[in-house]
Amino acid sequence: MTKVFSIGTGLVTPLGSTVTSVLEAIREGRSKQYFSRNGFTGHSFFENIALEAAQKAISGIEITPKTGFILSTAKGNVEFIGREDISLALSARRIADALGVKTTPIVVSNACISGVAAMLQGMRMIRSGAFDKVIVVGAEVQSPFIETGFDCLKAISPEPCRPFDKDRQGLNLGEAAAAMVLCADEGPWEIVDGVIRNDANHISGPSRTGEGSFKCLRYVLESLAKEDRLSFVSVHGTATPYNDEMEAIALDRAGLSHVPVCALKGYFGHTMGAAGLVEVIVCMGAHDMGFIPASKGFGELGVSRPVNISAQERPASGNAIIKLLSGFGGVNGALLLRKGGSL
């Protein structure tokens, strides 16, 4: 089977616009969820940050007739609803055109697992042989439409979110864009495999038994080679009562209670369709620097199963990371990442 690697990444977040600056902010314990739009004069802030992240990722990389493009987002330009066309396909075409990509863009919009689903789709496109590389971009900006929806669900925390903590009160929303270039050429990280499992438990509530996430974990664990050592699991960690509990159950059922767990939403908030890409890129960068980020806001465990999560940064060991995500409608996704060769 063709191996697929990440050969370029780009980040645009309120915490910083390079992997290094974002990791420095995380190590200092800073958090920021929303961009300042002062001075922005373009048509669409969403498309602007998505394009900026993509341009960072493709720096020095040739765009060919066989380069693919995938846009991952949950809401896109929904802030323009009722005023103009908010088609995600239209946004994807505009961004792809600006990058010089000639193939037909693909949009992945599958709630909060969109980023993982998009990376999985890109991996399959490379393995099909029809594409020599694929640019995967995840982006999300917030609006009253989105904020009101989450508020109606009583999911918004009045304080900074606290994933897995006993006093957690809900999530914080966030904005970000991230991009990754996938290809079969050897790169620093291999996208080994991934999977999506839908438990369809409820329109917004996750399975109480962690069924979909457990099956995702079981699948990617089977892709670990004998010589692989799992460094940590990057969880969804929204800080909502049901999501954190579900993930704890899934981790325990998969035999991963002892493995270090990293929850990043205390730094960025919930960036929805961008979360998968943002968190994968941050985790790869942190591992390269030799550490597992602290789970900001965590103090005392507040779930029913044991989870190896800490408020403190800890050393990273091993060579593999699992990224786990879940979302509305009972969707779940996971990716296995392995530290690979060199460019």
Protein backbone atom coordinates (compact mmCIF):
# COMPACT_ATOMS: atom_id res chain seq x y z
CA MET A 1 0.00 0.00 0.00
CA THR A 2 1.25 3.49 -0.89
CA LYS A 3 2.56 5.42 2.09
CA VAL A 4 1.23 8.98 2.44
CA PHE A 5 3.18 11.75 4.16
CA SER A 6 2.69 15.35 5.22
CA ILE A 7 5.22 17.46 3.31
CA GLY A 8 3.99 20.95 4.20
CA THR A 9 1.82 22.62 6.84
CA GLY A 10 0.39 26.04 7.54
CA LEU A 11 -1.39 27.58 10.52
CA VAL A 12 -3.33 30.82 10.96
CA THR A 13 -4.71 31.13 14.49
CA PRO A 14 -5.39 33.90 17.01
CA LEU A 15 -2.45 32.49 19.02
CA GLY A 16 0.01 32.81 16.15
CA SER A 17 0.51 32.20 12.45
CA THR A 18 3.39 29.74 12.50
CA VAL A 19 3.71 26.35 14.16
CA THR A 20 6.59 27.68 16.26
CA SER A 21 4.72 30.75 17.50
CA VAL A 22 1.64 28.70 18.36
CA LEU A 23 3.69 26.15 20.28
CA GLU A 24 5.47 28.93 22.17
CA ALA A 25 2.09 30.36 23.16
CA ILE A 26 0.90 26.93 24.31
CA ARG A 27 4.02 26.37 26.40
CA GLU A 28 3.41 29.75 28.05
CA GLY A 29 -0.17 28.74 28.82
CA ARG A 30 -1.78 31.46 26.70
CA SER A 31 -5.16 31.13 25.01
CA LYS A 32 -7.05 33.14 22.42
CA GLN A 33 -10.09 32.01 20.48
CA TYR A 34 -11.06 34.87 18.16
CA PHE A 35 -9.21 36.89 15.53
CA SER A 36 -9.10 40.66 15.51
CA ARG A 37 -10.52 41.77 12.18
CA ASN A 38 -9.28 45.33 12.47
CA GLY A 39 -8.00 46.48 9.10
CA PHE A 40 -9.43 43.53 7.19
CA THR A 41 -10.90 44.77 3.92
CA GLY A 42 -11.40 41.58 1.89
CA HIS A 43 -14.71 40.05 0.89
CA SER A 44 -14.61 36.96 3.10
CA PHE A 45 -12.52 36.58 6.24
CA PHE A 46 -13.14 32.82 6.15
CA GLU A 47 -11.72 32.45 2.64
CA ASN A 48 -8.87 34.84 3.43
CA ILE A 49 -7.51 32.81 6.37
CA ALA A 50 -8.05 29.51 4.53
CA LEU A 51 -6.02 30.82 1.58
CA GLU A 52 -3.28 32.18 3.87
CA ALA A 53 -2.90 28.81 5.63
CA ALA A 54 -2.77 27.01 2.28
CA GLN A 55 -0.14 29.37 0.89
CA LYS A 56 2.06 28.70 3.92
CA ALA A 57 1.67 24.95 3.44
CA ILE A 58 2.56 24.94 -0.27
CA SER A 59 5.58 27.22 0.05
CA GLY A 60 8.30 25.71 -2.15
CA ILE A 61 5.98 22.94 -3.39
CA GLU A 62 5.05 22.68 -7.07
CA ILE A 63 1.38 22.73 -8.04
CA THR A 64 0.86 20.25 -10.89
CA PRO A 65 -2.12 19.21 -13.05
CA LYS A 66 -2.54 16.26 -10.65
CA THR A 67 -2.69 18.36 -7.46
CA GLY A 68 -5.97 17.98 -5.57
CA PHE A 69 -7.67 20.39 -3.18
CA ILE A 70 -9.99 19.66 -0.23
CA LEU A 71 -11.76 22.26 1.90
CA SER A 72 -12.85 21.18 5.38
CA THR A 73 -15.37 23.38 7.19
CA ALA A 74 -18.60 23.06 9.11
CA LYS A 75 -20.12 26.48 8.36
CA GLY A 76 -17.90 28.36 5.90
CA ASN A 77 -19.37 31.76 4.99
CA VAL A 78 -22.57 31.25 6.98
CA GLU A 79 -22.24 34.81 8.34
CA PHE A 80 -23.48 35.95 4.91
CA ILE A 81 -26.67 33.87 5.09
CA GLY A 82 -29.65 35.69 3.62
CA ARG A 83 -27.41 38.21 1.83
CA GLU A 84 -25.57 36.21 -0.82
CA ASP A 85 -24.51 32.77 -2.03
CA ILE A 86 -22.80 30.92 0.83
CA SER A 87 -22.10 27.74 -1.14
CA LEU A 88 -19.11 25.87 0.28
CA ALA A 89 -18.32 24.65 -3.23
CA LEU A 90 -18.03 28.26 -4.40
CA SER A 91 -15.61 29.07 -1.57
CA ALA A 92 -13.54 25.98 -2.36
CA ARG A 93 -13.31 26.93 -6.04
CA ARG A 94 -12.22 30.48 -5.25
CA ILE A 95 -9.47 29.28 -2.89
CA ALA A 96 -8.31 26.57 -5.30
CA ASP A 97 -8.17 29.09 -8.15
CA ALA A 98 -6.07 31.45 -6.05
CA LEU A 99 -3.63 28.58 -5.40
CA GLY A 100 -3.46 27.63 -9.06
CA VAL A 101 -5.13 24.23 -8.55
CA LYS A 102 -6.94 23.11 -11.71
CA THR A 103 -8.61 19.92 -10.51
CA THR A 104 -12.18 19.99 -9.17
CA PRO A 105 -12.15 20.94 -5.46
CA ILE A 106 -13.76 18.68 -2.88
CA VAL A 107 -15.65 19.96 0.17
CA VAL A 108 -15.82 17.92 3.38
CA SER A 109 -18.44 19.21 5.82
CA ASN A 110 -19.17 16.54 8.40
CA ALA A 111 -19.60 18.42 11.67
CA CYS A 112 -16.57 18.42 13.96
CA ILE A 113 -14.81 15.44 12.36
CA SER A 114 -14.51 17.32 9.06
CA GLY A 115 -10.75 17.87 9.40
CA VAL A 116 -9.98 14.21 10.07
CA ALA A 117 -12.41 13.13 7.33
CA ALA A 118 -10.71 15.51 4.88
CA MET A 119 -7.24 14.16 5.69
CA LEU A 120 -8.54 10.63 5.28
CA GLN A 121 -10.06 11.57 1.90
CA GLY A 122 -6.75 13.14 0.82
CA MET A 123 -4.87 9.99 1.81
CA ARG A 124 -7.22 7.88 -0.31
CA MET A 125 -6.83 10.25 -3.27
CA ILE A 126 -3.05 9.85 -3.18
CA ARG A 127 -3.34 6.07 -2.89
CA SER A 128 -5.67 5.96 -5.87
CA GLY A 129 -2.81 7.18 -8.08
CA ALA A 130 -4.99 9.88 -9.64
CA PHE A 131 -3.28 12.67 -7.65
CA ASP A 132 0.39 13.34 -6.95
CA LYS A 133 -0.37 15.59 -3.98
CA VAL A 134 -3.43 16.94 -2.18
CA ILE A 135 -3.79 20.25 -0.35
CA VAL A 136 -6.15 19.85 2.62
CA VAL A 137 -7.39 23.07 4.23
CA GLY A 138 -9.59 23.40 7.32
CA ALA A 139 -11.04 26.75 8.30
CA GLU A 140 -13.75 28.17 10.52
CA VAL A 141 -14.87 31.61 11.66
CA GLN A 142 -17.63 32.26 14.15
CA SER A 143 -20.80 34.32 13.74
CA PRO A 144 -23.99 35.09 15.68
CA PHE A 145 -25.67 32.25 13.74
CA ILE A 146 -23.23 29.67 15.15
CA GLU A 147 -22.92 31.18 18.61
CA THR A 148 -26.69 31.34 19.06
CA GLY A 149 -27.05 27.71 18.03
CA PHE A 150 -24.56 26.44 20.59
CA ASP A 151 -26.03 28.75 23.22
CA CYS A 152 -29.50 27.26 22.61
CA LEU A 153 -27.97 23.84 23.32
CA LYS A 154 -26.64 25.25 26.62
CA ALA A 155 -23.18 24.06 25.54
CA ILE A 156 -21.28 27.35 25.96
CA SER A 157 -19.18 27.76 29.08
CA PRO A 158 -19.30 31.14 30.87
CA GLU A 159 -15.59 30.66 31.70
CA PRO A 160 -12.54 29.27 29.89
CA CYS A 161 -13.27 25.65 29.00
CA ARG A 162 -11.82 22.87 31.16
CA PRO A 163 -11.64 19.56 29.26
CA PHE A 164 -12.11 16.47 31.47
CA ASP A 165 -12.17 18.58 34.65
CA LYS A 166 -14.81 17.90 37.30
CA ASP A 167 -15.96 21.54 37.20
CA ARG A 168 -16.21 21.86 33.41
CA GLN A 169 -19.22 23.83 32.19
CA GLY A 170 -19.05 23.48 28.44
CA LEU A 171 -17.10 24.57 25.40
CA ASN A 172 -15.62 27.78 24.04
CA LEU A 173 -15.93 28.45 20.32
CA GLY A 174 -12.84 29.38 18.32
CA GLU A 175 -11.57 30.47 14.92
CA ALA A 176 -8.60 29.17 12.95
CA ALA A 177 -7.32 27.90 9.62
CA ALA A 178 -4.83 25.12 8.99
CA ALA A 179 -3.48 23.39 5.91
CA MET A 180 -1.48 20.29 5.09
CA VAL A 181 -0.01 19.01 1.84
CA LEU A 182 -0.15 15.24 1.43
CA CYS A 183 1.84 13.19 -1.05
CA ALA A 184 3.60 9.85 -1.48
CA ASP A 185 7.07 11.41 -1.22
CA GLU A 186 8.80 10.78 2.07
CA GLY A 187 8.13 13.45 4.69
CA PRO A 188 8.56 14.02 8.43
CA TRP A 189 5.18 12.49 9.37
CA GLU A 190 3.28 9.62 7.80
CA ILE A 191 -0.51 9.56 7.73
CA VAL A 192 -0.70 5.83 8.38
CA ASP A 193 -4.42 5.17 8.36
CA GLY A 194 -7.75 6.49 9.51
CA VAL A 195 -11.39 5.62 9.89
CA ILE A 196 -14.86 7.07 10.39
CA ARG A 197 -17.56 5.36 12.44
CA ASN A 198 -21.09 6.70 12.83
CA ASP A 199 -23.10 5.60 15.86
CA ALA A 200 -26.04 7.94 15.06
CA ASN A 201 -26.86 8.14 18.76
CA HIS A 202 -28.47 11.59 18.72
CA ILE A 203 -28.53 14.76 16.64
CA SER A 204 -26.16 16.45 19.10
CA GLY A 205 -25.38 13.96 21.89
CA PRO A 206 -22.60 11.35 21.67
CA SER A 207 -23.05 7.66 22.43
CA ARG A 208 -23.20 7.04 26.17
CA THR A 209 -21.04 3.95 25.70
CA GLY A 210 -18.48 5.61 23.42
CA GLU A 211 -19.31 3.06 20.73
CA GLY A 212 -18.22 4.99 17.63
CA SER A 213 -15.03 6.39 19.16
CA PHE A 214 -14.13 2.98 20.62
CA LYS A 215 -14.45 1.36 17.18
CA CYS A 216 -12.31 4.11 15.66
CA LEU A 217 -9.60 3.56 18.27
CA ARG A 218 -9.71 -0.19 17.84
CA TYR A 219 -9.30 0.18 14.07
CA VAL A 220 -6.28 2.51 14.14
CA LEU A 221 -4.60 0.53 16.92
CA GLU A 222 -4.56 -2.45 14.56
CA SER A 223 -2.42 -0.35 12.18
CA LEU A 224 0.36 0.08 14.74
CA ALA A 225 3.46 -1.83 13.69
CA LYS A 226 5.24 -4.05 16.22
CA GLU A 227 8.07 -1.54 16.52
CA ASP A 228 5.72 1.44 16.99
CA ARG A 229 5.33 3.06 20.39
CA LEU A 230 2.24 5.21 20.96
CA SER A 231 3.28 8.58 22.36
CA PHE A 232 -0.14 10.07 23.15
CA VAL A 233 -3.75 10.42 22.06
CA SER A 234 -5.04 13.83 21.02
CA VAL A 235 -8.71 13.76 22.02
CA HIS A 236 -11.65 15.93 20.99
CA GLY A 237 -11.96 17.26 24.55
CA THR A 238 -14.75 19.81 24.16
CA ALA A 239 -15.24 20.13 27.95
CA THR A 240 -18.94 19.31 27.63
CA PRO A 241 -20.19 16.74 30.16
CA TYR A 242 -21.23 14.08 27.65
CA ASN A 243 -18.35 14.37 25.17
CA ASP A 244 -15.57 14.07 27.73
CA GLU A 245 -17.33 11.19 29.46
CA MET A 246 -17.85 9.38 26.14
CA GLU A 247 -14.19 9.74 25.18
CA ALA A 248 -13.05 8.50 28.59
CA ILE A 249 -15.22 5.40 28.19
CA ALA A 250 -13.91 4.81 24.65
CA LEU A 251 -10.28 5.16 25.75
CA ASP A 252 -10.84 2.77 28.64
CA ARG A 253 -12.62 0.21 26.43
CA ALA A 254 -9.73 0.41 23.94
CA GLY A 255 -7.17 -0.30 26.68
CA LEU A 256 -5.65 3.18 26.49
CA SER A 257 -6.25 4.44 30.03
CA HIS A 258 -2.51 4.45 30.69
CA VAL A 259 -1.55 6.37 27.52
CA PRO A 260 -1.00 10.15 27.90
CA VAL A 261 -3.92 12.22 26.64
CA CYS A 262 -3.76 15.71 25.19
CA ALA A 263 -6.78 18.08 24.96
CA LEU A 264 -6.08 21.37 23.15
CA LYS A 265 -9.36 23.28 23.16
CA GLY A 266 -8.39 25.27 26.24
CA TYR A 267 -5.98 27.16 23.95
CA PHE A 268 -7.97 27.62 20.72
CA GLY A 269 -11.56 26.92 21.66
CA HIS A 270 -13.59 24.62 19.46
CA THR A 271 -12.61 25.43 15.87
CA MET A 272 -15.13 22.95 14.43
CA GLY A 273 -14.24 22.09 10.82
CA ALA A 274 -10.66 23.29 11.35
CA ALA A 275 -10.11 21.38 14.61
CA GLY A 276 -8.80 18.16 13.09
CA LEU A 277 -6.11 19.86 11.05
CA VAL A 278 -5.16 22.46 13.66
CA GLU A 279 -4.77 19.87 16.39
CA VAL A 280 -2.91 17.35 14.23
CA ILE A 281 -0.39 19.99 13.11
CA VAL A 282 0.10 21.26 16.68
CA CYS A 283 0.57 17.72 18.01
CA MET A 284 3.11 16.83 15.32
CA GLY A 285 5.01 20.04 16.04
CA ALA A 286 4.97 19.50 19.80
CA HIS A 287 6.19 15.92 19.39
CA ASP A 288 9.01 17.17 17.16
CA MET A 289 10.00 19.51 20.01
CA GLY A 290 9.86 16.62 22.48
CA PHE A 291 6.79 17.46 24.55
CA ILE A 292 3.11 16.67 25.02
CA PRO A 293 1.13 19.90 25.53
CA ALA A 294 -0.58 20.42 28.85
CA SER A 295 -4.38 20.20 28.82
CA LYS A 296 -5.14 23.79 29.77
CA GLY A 297 -7.90 24.17 32.35
CA PHE A 298 -7.62 20.64 33.70
CA GLY A 299 -7.23 20.24 37.45
CA GLU A 300 -9.15 17.27 38.81
CA LEU A 301 -10.54 14.37 36.79
CA GLY A 302 -14.29 14.63 36.28
CA VAL A 303 -15.15 11.50 34.25
CA SER A 304 -16.07 8.01 35.38
CA ARG A 305 -13.14 6.18 33.76
CA PRO A 306 -9.39 6.63 34.32
CA VAL A 307 -7.74 8.96 31.80
CA ASN A 308 -4.03 9.79 31.82
CA ILE A 309 -4.44 13.54 31.42
CA SER A 310 -2.49 16.26 33.20
CA ALA A 311 -2.45 19.99 33.62
CA GLN A 312 1.31 19.95 33.11
CA GLU A 313 3.45 19.60 29.99
CA ARG A 314 5.23 16.25 29.87
CA PRO A 315 7.99 14.73 27.72
CA ALA A 316 6.97 12.99 24.50
CA SER A 317 8.30 9.56 23.76
CA GLY A 318 7.43 6.98 21.15
CA ASN A 319 6.87 7.58 17.46
CA ALA A 320 3.09 7.50 16.93
CA ILE A 321 0.09 9.73 17.74
CA ILE A 322 -3.64 9.05 17.51
CA LYS A 323 -6.02 11.91 16.74
CA LEU A 324 -9.61 11.31 17.88
CA LEU A 325 -12.61 13.49 17.02
CA SER A 326 -16.38 13.25 17.41
CA GLY A 327 -19.26 15.41 16.31
CA PHE A 328 -22.96 16.10 15.95
CA GLY A 329 -25.07 13.32 14.50
CA GLY A 330 -22.97 10.64 16.20
CA VAL A 331 -20.00 10.91 13.83
CA ASN A 332 -16.56 9.81 15.02
CA GLY A 333 -13.15 9.77 13.36
CA ALA A 334 -9.57 8.82 14.14
CA LEU A 335 -6.18 9.03 12.46
CA LEU A 336 -2.91 7.28 13.19
CA LEU A 337 0.21 9.40 12.60
CA ARG A 338 3.73 8.02 12.59
CA LYS A 339 6.96 9.99 12.67
CA GLY A 340 8.47 9.18 9.29
CA GLY A 341 11.52 10.01 7.23
CA SER A 342 13.00 13.37 6.33
CA LEU A 343 12.39 15.73 3.43
